Amino acid sequence: MKFLTYGDRTLADIAVRLPGATGVFRAHKLDFCCGGGISLKEAAAKRGLAVEDLEGELQALDVAASAPAPANTADLIDHILTRYHAVHRAELPELVRLARRVESVHRGHPDVPAGLADLLAETLQELDTHMQKEEIMLFPMMKQDGHPMIVHPIAVMQGEHEEHGERLRLIEALTNGGVLPEDVCSTWRALYAGTRKLVDDVMEHIHLENNLLFPRFFETAER
């Protein structure tokens, strides 16, 4: 598949239409989920990046290697539930345990991520509450083709997405972006591998909702 230039397209649009683009954005610290409304050119300028280089990376993606999210709304919701909701609940408690161990065993190390366990525990609690709201109220409403007032719970979810994004930035700061100190133990390595995956997964999760799922219901409400 051949792609034209991307500079004037928004990060959200590129992320939705080009599987694999989110990995490029993550690598360059471009916020495609909560800040996806600006163009690639604007985002590149803010980060001091050459838009031509970013376009080259996007054009070089192997689209066939990444399956797109389901197009059907009900299938997309089910994908979010199994790929993200269930995975967050399965993986976060273990990350909390690993972080507590690392903070305890290596408390004298200058690079120990002090406070990470508490932050991950808070992330788990806030994410779980957020996901329950979607599972109990919002997603069933969406599977029934929405409601004229659905924009209000969606706006609440988007606001909470912003809060999740702030926590992800704190996690990245505490873990030095996942870059390990030299000669650390396997537990510390497992912790940082897990937190990198968590950040990627939550950002992709937010992206699918903010940029792909939710806009369908803004259009419905306006009719």
N, C-alpha and C. Protein backbone atom coordinates (compact mmCIF):
# COMPACT_ATOMS: atom_id res chain seq x y z
N MET A 1 0.85 -1.19 0.00
CA MET A 1 0.00 0.00 0.00
C MET A 1 0.88 1.25 0.00
N LYS A 2 0.56 2.20 -0.84
CA LYS A 2 1.37 3.42 -0.95
C LYS A 2 0.68 4.56 -0.22
N PHE A 3 1.45 5.31 0.56
CA PHE A 3 0.90 6.42 1.32
C PHE A 3 1.49 7.73 0.81
N LEU A 4 0.64 8.76 0.79
CA LEU A 4 1.09 10.08 0.41
C LEU A 4 1.73 10.75 1.62
N THR A 5 2.14 11.99 1.45
CA THR A 5 2.78 12.70 2.55
C THR A 5 1.81 12.85 3.71
N TYR A 6 2.38 12.92 4.91
CA TYR A 6 1.57 12.93 6.13
C TYR A 6 1.60 14.25 6.88
N GLY A 7 2.43 15.18 6.47
CA GLY A 7 2.69 16.37 7.27
C GLY A 7 1.46 17.14 7.70
N ASP A 8 0.46 17.26 6.83
CA ASP A 8 -0.73 18.05 7.15
C ASP A 8 -1.84 17.23 7.78
N ARG A 9 -1.65 15.92 7.94
CA ARG A 9 -2.66 15.07 8.57
C ARG A 9 -2.43 15.04 10.08
N THR A 10 -3.49 14.88 10.84
CA THR A 10 -3.35 14.87 12.30
C THR A 10 -2.74 13.55 12.77
N LEU A 11 -2.13 13.60 13.95
CA LEU A 11 -1.58 12.38 14.53
C LEU A 11 -2.68 11.33 14.72
N ALA A 12 -3.85 11.78 15.17
CA ALA A 12 -4.95 10.84 15.40
C ALA A 12 -5.36 10.15 14.10
N ASP A 13 -5.46 10.92 13.02
CA ASP A 13 -5.87 10.35 11.74
C ASP A 13 -4.85 9.33 11.24
N ILE A 14 -3.58 9.67 11.35
CA ILE A 14 -2.53 8.75 10.91
C ILE A 14 -2.55 7.49 11.76
N ALA A 15 -2.70 7.66 13.08
CA ALA A 15 -2.69 6.50 13.97
C ALA A 15 -3.85 5.56 13.69
N VAL A 16 -5.02 6.15 13.33
CA VAL A 16 -6.19 5.33 13.03
C VAL A 16 -6.03 4.60 11.71
N ARG A 17 -5.47 5.26 10.71
CA ARG A 17 -5.47 4.73 9.35
C ARG A 17 -4.22 3.95 8.98
N LEU A 18 -3.15 4.09 9.75
CA LEU A 18 -1.91 3.42 9.41
C LEU A 18 -1.44 2.54 10.55
N PRO A 19 -1.76 1.25 10.52
CA PRO A 19 -1.29 0.36 11.58
C PRO A 19 0.22 0.41 11.72
N GLY A 20 0.69 0.50 12.96
CA GLY A 20 2.11 0.59 13.23
C GLY A 20 2.60 2.01 13.45
N ALA A 21 1.78 2.99 13.07
CA ALA A 21 2.20 4.39 13.22
C ALA A 21 2.37 4.75 14.69
N THR A 22 1.58 4.15 15.56
CA THR A 22 1.67 4.49 16.98
C THR A 22 3.05 4.16 17.55
N GLY A 23 3.69 3.12 17.03
CA GLY A 23 5.04 2.80 17.48
C GLY A 23 6.04 3.88 17.12
N VAL A 24 5.90 4.45 15.93
CA VAL A 24 6.75 5.56 15.51
C VAL A 24 6.52 6.77 16.42
N PHE A 25 5.26 7.06 16.68
CA PHE A 25 4.94 8.21 17.53
C PHE A 25 5.47 8.03 18.95
N ARG A 26 5.33 6.81 19.48
CA ARG A 26 5.83 6.53 20.83
C ARG A 26 7.35 6.71 20.88
N ALA A 27 8.03 6.22 19.84
CA ALA A 27 9.49 6.31 19.82
C ALA A 27 9.97 7.76 19.85
N HIS A 28 9.18 8.65 19.24
CA HIS A 28 9.56 10.07 19.17
C HIS A 28 8.81 10.92 20.19
N LYS A 29 8.09 10.24 21.13
CA LYS A 29 7.36 10.94 22.19
C LYS A 29 6.34 11.94 21.63
N LEU A 30 5.60 11.51 20.60
CA LEU A 30 4.52 12.30 20.04
C LEU A 30 3.20 11.76 20.58
N ASP A 31 2.42 12.62 21.22
CA ASP A 31 1.20 12.19 21.90
C ASP A 31 0.05 12.07 20.89
N PHE A 32 -0.22 10.84 20.47
CA PHE A 32 -1.27 10.62 19.48
C PHE A 32 -2.63 10.35 20.09
N CYS A 33 -2.69 10.13 21.41
CA CYS A 33 -4.00 9.80 22.02
C CYS A 33 -4.69 11.06 22.53
N CYS A 34 -4.18 11.67 23.59
CA CYS A 34 -4.83 12.87 24.13
C CYS A 34 -4.51 14.13 23.31
N GLY A 35 -3.34 14.14 22.66
CA GLY A 35 -2.94 15.31 21.88
C GLY A 35 -2.96 15.06 20.39
N GLY A 36 -3.83 14.14 19.95
CA GLY A 36 -3.81 13.72 18.55
C GLY A 36 -4.45 14.65 17.56
N GLY A 37 -4.98 15.79 18.01
CA GLY A 37 -5.69 16.68 17.11
C GLY A 37 -4.81 17.61 16.30
N ILE A 38 -3.50 17.63 16.54
CA ILE A 38 -2.62 18.52 15.78
C ILE A 38 -1.96 17.76 14.64
N SER A 39 -1.48 18.49 13.64
CA SER A 39 -0.88 17.85 12.48
C SER A 39 0.50 17.29 12.82
N LEU A 40 0.94 16.35 12.00
CA LEU A 40 2.28 15.80 12.17
C LEU A 40 3.33 16.90 12.07
N LYS A 41 3.11 17.83 11.17
CA LYS A 41 4.06 18.94 10.98
C LYS A 41 4.17 19.78 12.26
N GLU A 42 3.02 20.10 12.87
CA GLU A 42 3.03 20.87 14.11
C GLU A 42 3.69 20.09 15.25
N ALA A 43 3.34 18.81 15.35
CA ALA A 43 3.90 17.98 16.42
C ALA A 43 5.41 17.87 16.28
N ALA A 44 5.88 17.71 15.04
CA ALA A 44 7.32 17.62 14.79
C ALA A 44 8.03 18.91 15.19
N ALA A 45 7.42 20.04 14.84
CA ALA A 45 8.03 21.34 15.16
C ALA A 45 8.14 21.53 16.67
N LYS A 46 7.11 21.11 17.41
CA LYS A 46 7.13 21.25 18.87
C LYS A 46 8.24 20.42 19.51
N ARG A 47 8.55 19.26 18.90
CA ARG A 47 9.57 18.38 19.44
C ARG A 47 10.95 18.62 18.83
N GLY A 48 11.03 19.56 17.86
CA GLY A 48 12.30 19.82 17.20
C GLY A 48 12.73 18.69 16.28
N LEU A 49 11.75 18.03 15.66
CA LEU A 49 12.03 16.91 14.78
C LEU A 49 11.82 17.30 13.32
N ALA A 50 12.49 16.61 12.42
CA ALA A 50 12.32 16.85 10.99
C ALA A 50 11.11 16.07 10.50
N VAL A 51 10.10 16.76 10.00
CA VAL A 51 8.89 16.07 9.57
C VAL A 51 9.18 15.11 8.43
N GLU A 52 10.18 15.44 7.59
CA GLU A 52 10.52 14.55 6.47
C GLU A 52 11.00 13.19 6.98
N ASP A 53 11.76 13.20 8.07
CA ASP A 53 12.24 11.94 8.64
C ASP A 53 11.08 11.11 9.19
N LEU A 54 10.15 11.79 9.86
CA LEU A 54 8.99 11.08 10.39
C LEU A 54 8.14 10.50 9.25
N GLU A 55 7.96 11.28 8.19
CA GLU A 55 7.20 10.78 7.05
C GLU A 55 7.87 9.55 6.44
N GLY A 56 9.20 9.57 6.39
CA GLY A 56 9.93 8.42 5.87
C GLY A 56 9.70 7.17 6.69
N GLU A 57 9.68 7.32 8.01
CA GLU A 57 9.43 6.18 8.88
C GLU A 57 8.02 5.65 8.72
N LEU A 58 7.07 6.56 8.56
CA LEU A 58 5.68 6.14 8.38
C LEU A 58 5.50 5.41 7.05
N GLN A 59 6.13 5.93 6.01
CA GLN A 59 6.00 5.31 4.70
C GLN A 59 6.68 3.95 4.62
N ALA A 60 7.67 3.73 5.50
CA ALA A 60 8.42 2.48 5.48
C ALA A 60 7.76 1.37 6.30
N LEU A 61 6.68 1.69 6.97
CA LEU A 61 6.03 0.68 7.81
C LEU A 61 5.52 -0.50 6.97
N ASP A 62 5.65 -1.67 7.54
CA ASP A 62 5.07 -2.86 6.91
C ASP A 62 3.65 -3.01 7.42
N VAL A 63 2.71 -2.48 6.66
CA VAL A 63 1.31 -2.44 7.10
C VAL A 63 0.77 -3.85 7.31
N ALA A 64 1.19 -4.79 6.50
CA ALA A 64 0.66 -6.15 6.59
C ALA A 64 1.01 -6.83 7.90
N ALA A 65 2.05 -6.34 8.59
CA ALA A 65 2.50 -7.00 9.82
C ALA A 65 1.63 -6.65 11.02
N SER A 66 0.72 -5.69 10.87
CA SER A 66 -0.10 -5.26 12.01
C SER A 66 -1.56 -5.29 11.63
N ALA A 67 -2.34 -6.13 12.28
CA ALA A 67 -3.77 -6.22 11.99
C ALA A 67 -4.49 -4.99 12.51
N PRO A 68 -5.39 -4.40 11.70
CA PRO A 68 -6.13 -3.23 12.18
C PRO A 68 -7.16 -3.61 13.22
N ALA A 69 -7.58 -2.65 13.99
CA ALA A 69 -8.66 -2.87 14.95
C ALA A 69 -9.94 -3.18 14.17
N PRO A 70 -10.83 -3.98 14.75
CA PRO A 70 -12.08 -4.30 14.04
C PRO A 70 -12.85 -3.04 13.65
N ALA A 71 -13.48 -3.08 12.49
CA ALA A 71 -14.22 -1.91 12.00
C ALA A 71 -15.59 -1.81 12.66
N ASN A 72 -16.24 -2.93 12.86
CA ASN A 72 -17.57 -2.94 13.47
C ASN A 72 -17.50 -2.47 14.92
N THR A 73 -18.44 -1.62 15.32
CA THR A 73 -18.39 -1.02 16.66
C THR A 73 -18.43 -2.07 17.77
N ALA A 74 -19.34 -3.03 17.68
CA ALA A 74 -19.44 -4.05 18.73
C ALA A 74 -18.16 -4.87 18.80
N ASP A 75 -17.60 -5.20 17.64
CA ASP A 75 -16.36 -5.98 17.61
C ASP A 75 -15.20 -5.17 18.17
N LEU A 76 -15.17 -3.87 17.87
CA LEU A 76 -14.12 -3.00 18.40
C LEU A 76 -14.20 -2.93 19.92
N ILE A 77 -15.40 -2.80 20.46
CA ILE A 77 -15.57 -2.78 21.92
C ILE A 77 -15.09 -4.09 22.53
N ASP A 78 -15.46 -5.21 21.92
CA ASP A 78 -15.01 -6.51 22.44
C ASP A 78 -13.49 -6.63 22.39
N HIS A 79 -12.90 -6.08 21.32
CA HIS A 79 -11.43 -6.07 21.19
C HIS A 79 -10.80 -5.26 22.32
N ILE A 80 -11.36 -4.10 22.63
CA ILE A 80 -10.85 -3.26 23.72
C ILE A 80 -10.97 -4.00 25.05
N LEU A 81 -12.09 -4.69 25.26
CA LEU A 81 -12.30 -5.40 26.52
C LEU A 81 -11.29 -6.53 26.71
N THR A 82 -11.04 -7.30 25.65
CA THR A 82 -10.14 -8.45 25.80
C THR A 82 -8.68 -8.07 25.69
N ARG A 83 -8.36 -7.16 24.77
CA ARG A 83 -6.95 -6.81 24.54
C ARG A 83 -6.41 -5.83 25.57
N TYR A 84 -7.27 -4.98 26.12
CA TYR A 84 -6.78 -3.94 27.03
C TYR A 84 -7.35 -4.06 28.44
N HIS A 85 -8.66 -4.07 28.61
CA HIS A 85 -9.21 -4.14 29.97
C HIS A 85 -8.70 -5.37 30.71
N ALA A 86 -8.85 -6.53 30.10
CA ALA A 86 -8.43 -7.76 30.78
C ALA A 86 -6.93 -7.80 31.01
N VAL A 87 -6.17 -7.30 30.06
CA VAL A 87 -4.71 -7.32 30.17
C VAL A 87 -4.22 -6.38 31.26
N HIS A 88 -4.78 -5.17 31.34
CA HIS A 88 -4.39 -4.25 32.41
C HIS A 88 -4.63 -4.88 33.78
N ARG A 89 -5.80 -5.50 33.95
CA ARG A 89 -6.13 -6.10 35.24
C ARG A 89 -5.23 -7.29 35.57
N ALA A 90 -4.78 -7.99 34.55
CA ALA A 90 -3.92 -9.14 34.78
C ALA A 90 -2.49 -8.74 35.09
N GLU A 91 -1.99 -7.68 34.45
CA GLU A 91 -0.57 -7.36 34.52
C GLU A 91 -0.21 -6.34 35.60
N LEU A 92 -1.10 -5.41 35.91
CA LEU A 92 -0.74 -4.35 36.85
C LEU A 92 -0.45 -4.85 38.26
N PRO A 93 -1.22 -5.79 38.82
CA PRO A 93 -0.89 -6.24 40.18
C PRO A 93 0.52 -6.83 40.28
N GLU A 94 0.96 -7.54 39.26
CA GLU A 94 2.32 -8.09 39.28
C GLU A 94 3.36 -6.98 39.19
N LEU A 95 3.08 -5.94 38.43
CA LEU A 95 4.02 -4.81 38.36
C LEU A 95 4.12 -4.11 39.72
N VAL A 96 3.01 -3.98 40.41
CA VAL A 96 3.06 -3.40 41.76
C VAL A 96 3.96 -4.24 42.66
N ARG A 97 3.78 -5.56 42.60
CA ARG A 97 4.60 -6.46 43.43
C ARG A 97 6.08 -6.33 43.08
N LEU A 98 6.39 -6.31 41.80
CA LEU A 98 7.79 -6.18 41.38
C LEU A 98 8.38 -4.85 41.86
N ALA A 99 7.59 -3.79 41.72
CA ALA A 99 8.08 -2.46 42.11
C ALA A 99 8.35 -2.40 43.61
N ARG A 100 7.48 -2.99 44.41
CA ARG A 100 7.71 -2.99 45.86
C ARG A 100 8.98 -3.75 46.20
N ARG A 101 9.22 -4.85 45.51
CA ARG A 101 10.43 -5.62 45.77
C ARG A 101 11.69 -4.83 45.39
N VAL A 102 11.66 -4.23 44.21
CA VAL A 102 12.82 -3.45 43.77
C VAL A 102 13.08 -2.28 44.71
N GLU A 103 12.04 -1.57 45.09
CA GLU A 103 12.21 -0.43 45.99
C GLU A 103 12.74 -0.86 47.35
N SER A 104 12.35 -2.04 47.81
CA SER A 104 12.81 -2.53 49.12
C SER A 104 14.24 -3.04 49.05
N VAL A 105 14.52 -3.91 48.08
CA VAL A 105 15.84 -4.55 47.99
C VAL A 105 16.92 -3.55 47.60
N HIS A 106 16.57 -2.59 46.74
CA HIS A 106 17.57 -1.66 46.19
C HIS A 106 17.37 -0.24 46.69
N ARG A 107 16.81 -0.10 47.89
CA ARG A 107 16.49 1.25 48.37
C ARG A 107 17.71 2.16 48.49
N GLY A 108 18.91 1.59 48.58
CA GLY A 108 20.10 2.43 48.65
C GLY A 108 20.68 2.78 47.30
N HIS A 109 20.12 2.25 46.22
CA HIS A 109 20.64 2.51 44.88
C HIS A 109 20.22 3.91 44.43
N PRO A 110 21.13 4.68 43.85
CA PRO A 110 20.78 6.06 43.47
C PRO A 110 19.70 6.15 42.40
N ASP A 111 19.52 5.09 41.61
CA ASP A 111 18.54 5.12 40.53
C ASP A 111 17.27 4.33 40.84
N VAL A 112 17.09 3.93 42.09
CA VAL A 112 15.89 3.16 42.43
C VAL A 112 14.64 4.00 42.15
N PRO A 113 13.61 3.41 41.54
CA PRO A 113 12.40 4.19 41.22
C PRO A 113 11.50 4.36 42.44
N ALA A 114 11.94 5.14 43.39
CA ALA A 114 11.20 5.32 44.65
C ALA A 114 9.82 5.92 44.38
N GLY A 115 8.80 5.28 44.92
CA GLY A 115 7.43 5.76 44.74
C GLY A 115 6.70 5.10 43.58
N LEU A 116 7.41 4.28 42.82
CA LEU A 116 6.78 3.66 41.64
C LEU A 116 5.67 2.69 42.04
N ALA A 117 5.89 1.89 43.07
CA ALA A 117 4.87 0.92 43.47
C ALA A 117 3.56 1.61 43.83
N ASP A 118 3.65 2.68 44.60
CA ASP A 118 2.43 3.40 44.97
C ASP A 118 1.75 4.01 43.75
N LEU A 119 2.55 4.53 42.83
CA LEU A 119 1.99 5.11 41.61
C LEU A 119 1.31 4.05 40.76
N LEU A 120 1.92 2.87 40.66
CA LEU A 120 1.31 1.78 39.89
C LEU A 120 0.03 1.29 40.57
N ALA A 121 0.04 1.23 41.90
CA ALA A 121 -1.17 0.83 42.63
C ALA A 121 -2.30 1.84 42.40
N GLU A 122 -1.96 3.11 42.40
CA GLU A 122 -2.95 4.16 42.11
C GLU A 122 -3.46 4.02 40.68
N THR A 123 -2.54 3.74 39.76
CA THR A 123 -2.92 3.56 38.35
C THR A 123 -3.89 2.40 38.20
N LEU A 124 -3.61 1.29 38.88
CA LEU A 124 -4.50 0.13 38.84
C LEU A 124 -5.89 0.49 39.35
N GLN A 125 -5.94 1.17 40.48
CA GLN A 125 -7.23 1.53 41.08
C GLN A 125 -8.02 2.46 40.16
N GLU A 126 -7.35 3.49 39.64
CA GLU A 126 -8.04 4.46 38.80
C GLU A 126 -8.46 3.85 37.47
N LEU A 127 -7.58 3.03 36.89
CA LEU A 127 -7.92 2.37 35.62
C LEU A 127 -9.10 1.43 35.80
N ASP A 128 -9.08 0.66 36.89
CA ASP A 128 -10.16 -0.30 37.11
C ASP A 128 -11.50 0.41 37.28
N THR A 129 -11.51 1.49 38.05
CA THR A 129 -12.74 2.26 38.21
C THR A 129 -13.23 2.80 36.87
N HIS A 130 -12.30 3.32 36.09
CA HIS A 130 -12.61 3.87 34.76
C HIS A 130 -13.19 2.77 33.86
N MET A 131 -12.54 1.62 33.83
CA MET A 131 -12.98 0.53 32.96
C MET A 131 -14.35 0.01 33.38
N GLN A 132 -14.60 -0.04 34.69
CA GLN A 132 -15.92 -0.47 35.15
C GLN A 132 -17.02 0.46 34.66
N LYS A 133 -16.76 1.76 34.65
CA LYS A 133 -17.75 2.71 34.13
C LYS A 133 -18.05 2.42 32.66
N GLU A 134 -17.01 2.12 31.90
CA GLU A 134 -17.22 1.82 30.49
C GLU A 134 -17.99 0.51 30.32
N GLU A 135 -17.63 -0.49 31.12
CA GLU A 135 -18.23 -1.81 30.98
C GLU A 135 -19.70 -1.84 31.42
N ILE A 136 -20.01 -1.09 32.48
CA ILE A 136 -21.35 -1.14 33.05
C ILE A 136 -22.32 -0.21 32.32
N MET A 137 -21.83 0.97 31.91
CA MET A 137 -22.73 1.96 31.34
C MET A 137 -22.44 2.29 29.88
N LEU A 138 -21.23 2.75 29.59
CA LEU A 138 -20.97 3.34 28.28
C LEU A 138 -20.98 2.31 27.15
N PHE A 139 -20.23 1.22 27.31
CA PHE A 139 -20.15 0.25 26.22
C PHE A 139 -21.50 -0.41 25.90
N PRO A 140 -22.29 -0.81 26.91
CA PRO A 140 -23.62 -1.35 26.57
C PRO A 140 -24.48 -0.34 25.81
N MET A 141 -24.38 0.94 26.18
CA MET A 141 -25.12 1.98 25.48
C MET A 141 -24.65 2.08 24.02
N MET A 142 -23.35 1.97 23.82
CA MET A 142 -22.80 2.05 22.47
C MET A 142 -23.24 0.85 21.63
N LYS A 143 -23.30 -0.32 22.24
CA LYS A 143 -23.71 -1.52 21.50
C LYS A 143 -25.19 -1.47 21.12
N GLN A 144 -25.94 -0.56 21.75
CA GLN A 144 -27.34 -0.35 21.40
C GLN A 144 -27.50 0.88 20.51
N ASP A 145 -26.40 1.24 19.82
CA ASP A 145 -26.40 2.35 18.86
C ASP A 145 -26.46 3.73 19.49
N GLY A 146 -26.07 3.81 20.76
CA GLY A 146 -25.90 5.12 21.38
C GLY A 146 -27.19 5.71 21.94
N HIS A 147 -27.09 7.01 22.29
CA HIS A 147 -28.19 7.74 22.93
C HIS A 147 -27.90 9.21 22.71
N PRO A 148 -28.92 10.07 22.56
CA PRO A 148 -28.66 11.50 22.32
C PRO A 148 -27.77 12.15 23.37
N MET A 149 -27.78 11.62 24.60
CA MET A 149 -26.99 12.22 25.66
C MET A 149 -25.65 11.51 25.87
N ILE A 150 -25.27 10.64 24.96
CA ILE A 150 -24.06 9.84 25.18
C ILE A 150 -22.79 10.68 25.18
N VAL A 151 -22.85 11.87 24.59
CA VAL A 151 -21.66 12.73 24.56
C VAL A 151 -21.20 13.10 25.97
N HIS A 152 -22.11 13.10 26.93
CA HIS A 152 -21.73 13.51 28.29
C HIS A 152 -20.87 12.45 29.00
N PRO A 153 -21.28 11.17 29.03
CA PRO A 153 -20.37 10.17 29.62
C PRO A 153 -19.08 10.01 28.81
N ILE A 154 -19.15 10.22 27.50
CA ILE A 154 -17.92 10.15 26.70
C ILE A 154 -16.96 11.25 27.14
N ALA A 155 -17.48 12.45 27.37
CA ALA A 155 -16.63 13.57 27.79
C ALA A 155 -15.98 13.26 29.14
N VAL A 156 -16.72 12.60 30.03
CA VAL A 156 -16.15 12.21 31.32
C VAL A 156 -15.00 11.23 31.11
N MET A 157 -15.19 10.25 30.23
CA MET A 157 -14.14 9.27 29.95
C MET A 157 -12.92 9.95 29.34
N GLN A 158 -13.13 10.90 28.46
CA GLN A 158 -12.00 11.61 27.86
C GLN A 158 -11.22 12.40 28.90
N GLY A 159 -11.94 13.01 29.83
CA GLY A 159 -11.25 13.72 30.91
C GLY A 159 -10.42 12.78 31.76
N GLU A 160 -10.95 11.59 32.03
CA GLU A 160 -10.19 10.60 32.79
C GLU A 160 -9.00 10.08 31.98
N HIS A 161 -9.15 10.01 30.67
CA HIS A 161 -8.01 9.63 29.83
C HIS A 161 -6.85 10.62 30.00
N GLU A 162 -7.18 11.88 30.11
CA GLU A 162 -6.12 12.89 30.34
C GLU A 162 -5.39 12.60 31.66
N GLU A 163 -6.15 12.22 32.68
CA GLU A 163 -5.54 11.91 33.98
C GLU A 163 -4.66 10.66 33.87
N HIS A 164 -5.13 9.66 33.12
CA HIS A 164 -4.30 8.46 32.91
C HIS A 164 -3.00 8.84 32.20
N GLY A 165 -3.11 9.74 31.23
CA GLY A 165 -1.91 10.17 30.51
C GLY A 165 -0.90 10.83 31.42
N GLU A 166 -1.38 11.61 32.39
CA GLU A 166 -0.48 12.24 33.36
C GLU A 166 0.24 11.17 34.18
N ARG A 167 -0.47 10.14 34.60
CA ARG A 167 0.16 9.07 35.38
C ARG A 167 1.20 8.33 34.53
N LEU A 168 0.90 8.12 33.27
CA LEU A 168 1.87 7.45 32.40
C LEU A 168 3.15 8.26 32.30
N ARG A 169 3.02 9.57 32.20
CA ARG A 169 4.21 10.42 32.12
C ARG A 169 5.02 10.34 33.42
N LEU A 170 4.33 10.26 34.56
CA LEU A 170 5.03 10.11 35.84
C LEU A 170 5.75 8.76 35.91
N ILE A 171 5.10 7.70 35.42
CA ILE A 171 5.73 6.38 35.40
C ILE A 171 6.98 6.41 34.54
N GLU A 172 6.88 7.04 33.38
CA GLU A 172 8.05 7.13 32.49
C GLU A 172 9.17 7.93 33.15
N ALA A 173 8.81 8.99 33.87
CA ALA A 173 9.83 9.79 34.53
C ALA A 173 10.52 8.99 35.64
N LEU A 174 9.74 8.26 36.44
CA LEU A 174 10.32 7.48 37.54
C LEU A 174 11.20 6.34 37.04
N THR A 175 10.89 5.80 35.86
CA THR A 175 11.65 4.67 35.32
C THR A 175 12.67 5.11 34.27
N ASN A 176 12.91 6.41 34.17
CA ASN A 176 13.89 6.93 33.20
C ASN A 176 13.55 6.45 31.79
N GLY A 177 12.25 6.46 31.47
CA GLY A 177 11.82 6.04 30.15
C GLY A 177 12.09 4.57 29.85
N GLY A 178 12.27 3.77 30.91
CA GLY A 178 12.55 2.35 30.72
C GLY A 178 14.01 2.02 30.54
N VAL A 179 14.87 3.02 30.64
CA VAL A 179 16.32 2.80 30.50
C VAL A 179 16.87 2.32 31.84
N LEU A 180 17.47 1.13 31.84
CA LEU A 180 17.95 0.51 33.07
C LEU A 180 19.35 1.00 33.46
N PRO A 181 19.62 1.11 34.76
CA PRO A 181 21.01 1.29 35.20
C PRO A 181 21.81 0.04 34.85
N GLU A 182 23.11 0.15 34.90
CA GLU A 182 23.95 -1.01 34.59
C GLU A 182 23.90 -2.04 35.72
N ASP A 183 24.02 -3.30 35.34
CA ASP A 183 24.18 -4.42 36.29
C ASP A 183 23.05 -4.51 37.32
N VAL A 184 21.81 -4.36 36.87
CA VAL A 184 20.69 -4.51 37.81
C VAL A 184 20.16 -5.94 37.74
N CYS A 185 19.37 -6.32 38.74
CA CYS A 185 18.87 -7.68 38.85
C CYS A 185 17.75 -7.96 37.85
N SER A 186 17.41 -9.24 37.74
CA SER A 186 16.37 -9.64 36.79
C SER A 186 15.01 -9.10 37.17
N THR A 187 14.76 -8.93 38.47
CA THR A 187 13.48 -8.37 38.91
C THR A 187 13.32 -6.94 38.42
N TRP A 188 14.38 -6.17 38.54
CA TRP A 188 14.36 -4.78 38.07
C TRP A 188 14.17 -4.75 36.56
N ARG A 189 14.82 -5.64 35.85
CA ARG A 189 14.66 -5.70 34.39
C ARG A 189 13.23 -6.07 34.01
N ALA A 190 12.66 -7.04 34.72
CA ALA A 190 11.27 -7.44 34.45
C ALA A 190 10.31 -6.29 34.74
N LEU A 191 10.58 -5.54 35.80
CA LEU A 191 9.74 -4.40 36.16
C LEU A 191 9.73 -3.36 35.04
N TYR A 192 10.90 -3.01 34.54
CA TYR A 192 10.96 -1.97 33.51
C TYR A 192 10.40 -2.46 32.18
N ALA A 193 10.61 -3.74 31.86
CA ALA A 193 9.98 -4.28 30.65
C ALA A 193 8.46 -4.21 30.77
N GLY A 194 7.96 -4.54 31.96
CA GLY A 194 6.52 -4.50 32.18
C GLY A 194 5.95 -3.10 32.16
N THR A 195 6.67 -2.14 32.74
CA THR A 195 6.15 -0.77 32.73
C THR A 195 6.19 -0.17 31.32
N ARG A 196 7.20 -0.52 30.53
CA ARG A 196 7.21 -0.05 29.13
C ARG A 196 5.99 -0.58 28.38
N LYS A 197 5.69 -1.86 28.57
CA LYS A 197 4.52 -2.44 27.90
C LYS A 197 3.24 -1.81 28.41
N LEU A 198 3.16 -1.56 29.72
CA LEU A 198 1.97 -0.92 30.28
C LEU A 198 1.72 0.43 29.64
N VAL A 199 2.75 1.25 29.57
CA VAL A 199 2.59 2.59 28.98
C VAL A 199 2.14 2.48 27.54
N ASP A 200 2.77 1.61 26.76
CA ASP A 200 2.38 1.43 25.37
C ASP A 200 0.92 0.97 25.25
N ASP A 201 0.55 -0.01 26.08
CA ASP A 201 -0.80 -0.56 26.01
C ASP A 201 -1.86 0.47 26.39
N VAL A 202 -1.62 1.20 27.46
CA VAL A 202 -2.63 2.18 27.89
C VAL A 202 -2.76 3.30 26.86
N MET A 203 -1.65 3.72 26.28
CA MET A 203 -1.72 4.77 25.26
C MET A 203 -2.48 4.27 24.03
N GLU A 204 -2.22 3.04 23.62
CA GLU A 204 -2.93 2.48 22.47
C GLU A 204 -4.41 2.32 22.80
N HIS A 205 -4.71 1.91 24.02
CA HIS A 205 -6.09 1.76 24.50
C HIS A 205 -6.83 3.11 24.42
N ILE A 206 -6.21 4.14 24.95
CA ILE A 206 -6.82 5.48 24.92
C ILE A 206 -7.00 5.95 23.48
N HIS A 207 -6.00 5.70 22.67
CA HIS A 207 -6.06 6.11 21.26
C HIS A 207 -7.27 5.48 20.56
N LEU A 208 -7.48 4.18 20.73
CA LEU A 208 -8.59 3.51 20.06
C LEU A 208 -9.93 4.10 20.49
N GLU A 209 -10.05 4.46 21.76
CA GLU A 209 -11.30 5.03 22.23
C GLU A 209 -11.46 6.48 21.80
N ASN A 210 -10.44 7.30 22.05
CA ASN A 210 -10.55 8.73 21.74
C ASN A 210 -10.68 9.01 20.25
N ASN A 211 -9.92 8.28 19.44
CA ASN A 211 -9.79 8.63 18.03
C ASN A 211 -10.58 7.74 17.08
N LEU A 212 -10.99 6.56 17.54
CA LEU A 212 -11.69 5.65 16.64
C LEU A 212 -13.12 5.37 17.11
N LEU A 213 -13.29 5.00 18.38
CA LEU A 213 -14.62 4.61 18.88
C LEU A 213 -15.50 5.82 19.21
N PHE A 214 -15.03 6.71 20.04
CA PHE A 214 -15.87 7.82 20.51
C PHE A 214 -16.39 8.73 19.40
N PRO A 215 -15.56 9.09 18.39
CA PRO A 215 -16.08 10.01 17.36
C PRO A 215 -17.32 9.49 16.63
N ARG A 216 -17.51 8.21 16.56
CA ARG A 216 -18.70 7.65 15.91
C ARG A 216 -19.97 8.11 16.60
N PHE A 217 -19.90 8.33 17.90
CA PHE A 217 -21.09 8.67 18.66
C PHE A 217 -21.30 10.18 18.76
N PHE A 218 -20.26 10.96 18.52
CA PHE A 218 -20.47 12.40 18.38
C PHE A 218 -21.28 12.64 17.11
N GLU A 219 -20.97 11.91 16.05
CA GLU A 219 -21.70 12.05 14.79
C GLU A 219 -23.16 11.65 14.98
N THR A 220 -23.40 10.56 15.74
CA THR A 220 -24.76 10.09 15.98
C THR A 220 -25.57 11.12 16.77
N ALA A 221 -24.92 11.73 17.79
CA ALA A 221 -25.62 12.69 18.65
C ALA A 221 -26.01 13.96 17.90
N GLU A 222 -25.24 14.28 16.83
CA GLU A 222 -25.49 15.52 16.10
C GLU A 222 -26.64 15.39 15.11
N ARG A 223 -27.09 14.17 14.84
CA ARG A 223 -28.15 13.98 13.85
C ARG A 223 -29.51 14.39 14.38
